[in-house]
Amino acid sequence: MGVYKKVPFPIINIANFVVVNANGGRNTYRRWKDVPFDVEPISPDDLVTMRPADDEDQDAALWRENQLSF
């Protein structure tokens, strides 16, 4: 787990990944810069909204966010 400005992020190593378009077509890519769309950078405002409250346990916040994202 990496931490940037007190916000934990999972660090993963992806050898390649598949992007499925609206028509069900599949394309495999090795790098994000090769995908046919822009990947938005994380802004400071995004970090503020992802940061758990000071009195909240970070592990509990991570667990809650992961449960909500499925």
N, C-alpha and C. Protein backbone atom coordinates (compact mmCIF):
# COMPACT_ATOMS: atom_id res chain seq x y z
N MET A 1 0.86 -1.17 0.00
CA MET A 1 0.00 0.00 0.00
C MET A 1 0.90 1.23 0.00
N GLY A 2 0.66 2.13 -0.91
CA GLY A 2 1.38 3.39 -0.94
C GLY A 2 0.55 4.49 -0.30
N VAL A 3 1.20 5.50 0.20
CA VAL A 3 0.49 6.62 0.83
C VAL A 3 0.96 7.91 0.18
N TYR A 4 0.01 8.72 -0.28
CA TYR A 4 0.32 10.01 -0.86
C TYR A 4 -0.53 11.05 -0.16
N LYS A 5 0.12 11.99 0.51
CA LYS A 5 -0.57 13.04 1.28
C LYS A 5 -1.61 12.45 2.22
N LYS A 6 -1.19 11.43 2.96
CA LYS A 6 -1.99 10.75 3.99
C LYS A 6 -3.17 9.96 3.42
N VAL A 7 -3.21 9.74 2.11
CA VAL A 7 -4.27 8.95 1.50
C VAL A 7 -3.66 7.64 1.00
N PRO A 8 -4.12 6.49 1.51
CA PRO A 8 -3.56 5.21 1.08
C PRO A 8 -4.08 4.81 -0.30
N PHE A 9 -3.17 4.31 -1.13
CA PHE A 9 -3.52 3.81 -2.46
C PHE A 9 -2.91 2.43 -2.63
N PRO A 10 -3.66 1.49 -3.20
CA PRO A 10 -3.04 0.20 -3.49
C PRO A 10 -2.04 0.36 -4.63
N ILE A 11 -0.94 -0.33 -4.54
CA ILE A 11 0.07 -0.30 -5.60
C ILE A 11 0.05 -1.67 -6.26
N ILE A 12 -0.21 -1.68 -7.55
CA ILE A 12 -0.29 -2.94 -8.27
C ILE A 12 0.63 -2.89 -9.49
N ASN A 13 0.99 -4.04 -9.95
CA ASN A 13 1.79 -4.17 -11.16
C ASN A 13 0.94 -4.93 -12.17
N ILE A 14 0.58 -4.28 -13.25
CA ILE A 14 -0.26 -4.90 -14.27
C ILE A 14 0.59 -5.13 -15.51
N ALA A 15 0.67 -6.38 -15.96
CA ALA A 15 1.43 -6.69 -17.16
C ALA A 15 0.69 -6.21 -18.40
N ASN A 16 -0.62 -6.38 -18.43
CA ASN A 16 -1.47 -5.84 -19.49
C ASN A 16 -2.90 -5.85 -18.98
N PHE A 17 -3.78 -5.15 -19.67
CA PHE A 17 -5.17 -5.08 -19.24
C PHE A 17 -6.07 -4.97 -20.45
N VAL A 18 -7.34 -5.32 -20.27
CA VAL A 18 -8.31 -5.34 -21.35
C VAL A 18 -9.31 -4.21 -21.13
N VAL A 19 -9.59 -3.47 -22.20
CA VAL A 19 -10.62 -2.43 -22.18
C VAL A 19 -11.76 -2.92 -23.07
N VAL A 20 -12.98 -2.92 -22.52
CA VAL A 20 -14.16 -3.35 -23.27
C VAL A 20 -14.94 -2.10 -23.64
N ASN A 21 -15.24 -1.93 -24.93
CA ASN A 21 -15.99 -0.75 -25.36
C ASN A 21 -17.49 -1.00 -25.27
N ALA A 22 -18.29 0.00 -25.60
CA ALA A 22 -19.75 -0.07 -25.47
C ALA A 22 -20.36 -1.16 -26.35
N ASN A 23 -19.69 -1.50 -27.45
CA ASN A 23 -20.21 -2.53 -28.36
C ASN A 23 -19.75 -3.93 -27.98
N GLY A 24 -19.01 -4.06 -26.91
CA GLY A 24 -18.52 -5.36 -26.46
C GLY A 24 -17.17 -5.74 -27.04
N GLY A 25 -16.59 -4.88 -27.86
CA GLY A 25 -15.27 -5.14 -28.41
C GLY A 25 -14.21 -5.06 -27.32
N ARG A 26 -13.20 -5.90 -27.43
CA ARG A 26 -12.15 -5.96 -26.42
C ARG A 26 -10.81 -5.63 -27.04
N ASN A 27 -10.04 -4.78 -26.35
CA ASN A 27 -8.69 -4.44 -26.77
C ASN A 27 -7.76 -4.62 -25.58
N THR A 28 -6.59 -5.21 -25.82
CA THR A 28 -5.60 -5.41 -24.78
C THR A 28 -4.52 -4.35 -24.91
N TYR A 29 -4.14 -3.75 -23.77
CA TYR A 29 -3.12 -2.70 -23.73
C TYR A 29 -2.07 -3.06 -22.69
N ARG A 30 -0.85 -2.58 -22.93
CA ARG A 30 0.23 -2.79 -21.98
C ARG A 30 0.51 -1.54 -21.17
N ARG A 31 0.16 -0.36 -21.70
CA ARG A 31 0.44 0.91 -21.02
C ARG A 31 -0.78 1.80 -21.08
N TRP A 32 -0.99 2.58 -20.01
CA TRP A 32 -2.12 3.51 -19.97
C TRP A 32 -2.04 4.54 -21.09
N LYS A 33 -0.83 4.94 -21.47
CA LYS A 33 -0.72 5.97 -22.51
C LYS A 33 -1.16 5.45 -23.88
N ASP A 34 -1.35 4.14 -24.02
CA ASP A 34 -1.79 3.56 -25.29
C ASP A 34 -3.31 3.48 -25.43
N VAL A 35 -4.06 3.68 -24.36
CA VAL A 35 -5.52 3.58 -24.46
C VAL A 35 -6.08 4.76 -25.25
N PRO A 36 -7.21 4.57 -25.94
CA PRO A 36 -7.76 5.63 -26.80
C PRO A 36 -8.61 6.66 -26.06
N PHE A 37 -8.32 6.91 -24.80
CA PHE A 37 -9.03 7.93 -24.03
C PHE A 37 -8.06 8.52 -23.02
N ASP A 38 -8.42 9.68 -22.49
CA ASP A 38 -7.57 10.34 -21.50
C ASP A 38 -7.87 9.80 -20.11
N VAL A 39 -6.83 9.54 -19.36
CA VAL A 39 -6.95 9.14 -17.96
C VAL A 39 -6.72 10.40 -17.15
N GLU A 40 -7.74 10.83 -16.41
CA GLU A 40 -7.66 12.08 -15.65
C GLU A 40 -6.69 11.94 -14.48
N PRO A 41 -5.85 12.93 -14.27
CA PRO A 41 -4.96 12.89 -13.10
C PRO A 41 -5.77 13.11 -11.81
N ILE A 42 -5.20 12.69 -10.71
CA ILE A 42 -5.85 12.91 -9.41
C ILE A 42 -5.53 14.33 -8.97
N SER A 43 -6.58 15.07 -8.66
CA SER A 43 -6.40 16.47 -8.24
C SER A 43 -6.33 16.55 -6.72
N PRO A 44 -5.84 17.66 -6.18
CA PRO A 44 -5.86 17.84 -4.72
C PRO A 44 -7.27 17.73 -4.14
N ASP A 45 -8.28 18.19 -4.87
CA ASP A 45 -9.66 18.07 -4.39
C ASP A 45 -10.08 16.61 -4.29
N ASP A 46 -9.64 15.77 -5.23
CA ASP A 46 -9.92 14.34 -5.16
C ASP A 46 -9.32 13.73 -3.91
N LEU A 47 -8.09 14.14 -3.58
CA LEU A 47 -7.44 13.61 -2.39
C LEU A 47 -8.20 13.97 -1.12
N VAL A 48 -8.72 15.18 -1.07
CA VAL A 48 -9.47 15.61 0.11
C VAL A 48 -10.71 14.75 0.28
N THR A 49 -11.41 14.45 -0.80
CA THR A 49 -12.64 13.65 -0.69
C THR A 49 -12.36 12.20 -0.36
N MET A 50 -11.16 11.69 -0.70
CA MET A 50 -10.81 10.30 -0.42
C MET A 50 -10.21 10.11 0.96
N ARG A 51 -9.75 11.17 1.58
CA ARG A 51 -9.07 11.08 2.87
C ARG A 51 -10.07 10.78 3.98
N PRO A 52 -9.77 9.79 4.83
CA PRO A 52 -10.68 9.51 5.95
C PRO A 52 -10.63 10.65 6.98
N ALA A 53 -11.70 10.78 7.72
CA ALA A 53 -11.75 11.80 8.77
C ALA A 53 -10.64 11.53 9.78
N ASP A 54 -10.13 12.57 10.42
CA ASP A 54 -9.00 12.43 11.35
C ASP A 54 -9.29 11.45 12.47
N ASP A 55 -10.54 11.41 12.93
CA ASP A 55 -10.87 10.53 14.06
C ASP A 55 -11.26 9.12 13.59
N GLU A 56 -11.27 8.87 12.28
CA GLU A 56 -11.65 7.57 11.76
C GLU A 56 -10.40 6.73 11.53
N ASP A 57 -10.45 5.49 11.93
CA ASP A 57 -9.34 4.58 11.70
C ASP A 57 -9.16 4.36 10.21
N GLN A 58 -7.93 4.50 9.71
CA GLN A 58 -7.69 4.38 8.26
C GLN A 58 -8.02 2.98 7.74
N ASP A 59 -7.74 1.95 8.52
CA ASP A 59 -8.09 0.60 8.08
C ASP A 59 -9.59 0.45 7.93
N ALA A 60 -10.34 1.01 8.85
CA ALA A 60 -11.80 0.95 8.75
C ALA A 60 -12.29 1.71 7.54
N ALA A 61 -11.67 2.86 7.26
CA ALA A 61 -12.06 3.65 6.09
C ALA A 61 -11.76 2.88 4.80
N LEU A 62 -10.60 2.24 4.73
CA LEU A 62 -10.26 1.45 3.55
C LEU A 62 -11.24 0.31 3.36
N TRP A 63 -11.56 -0.37 4.44
CA TRP A 63 -12.50 -1.49 4.36
C TRP A 63 -13.85 -1.00 3.86
N ARG A 64 -14.35 0.11 4.41
CA ARG A 64 -15.64 0.66 4.01
C ARG A 64 -15.63 1.04 2.53
N GLU A 65 -14.58 1.72 2.08
CA GLU A 65 -14.51 2.14 0.67
C GLU A 65 -14.45 0.93 -0.26
N ASN A 66 -13.70 -0.10 0.12
CA ASN A 66 -13.62 -1.29 -0.72
C ASN A 66 -14.94 -2.03 -0.77
N GLN A 67 -15.67 -2.05 0.33
CA GLN A 67 -16.97 -2.70 0.35
C GLN A 67 -17.98 -1.95 -0.52
N LEU A 68 -17.90 -0.62 -0.50
CA LEU A 68 -18.83 0.19 -1.27
C LEU A 68 -18.53 0.15 -2.76
N SER A 69 -17.29 -0.14 -3.15
CA SER A 69 -16.92 -0.08 -4.57
C SER A 69 -17.27 -1.38 -5.31
N PHE A 70 -17.72 -2.41 -4.61
CA PHE A 70 -18.05 -3.67 -5.30
C PHE A 70 -19.47 -3.75 -5.67
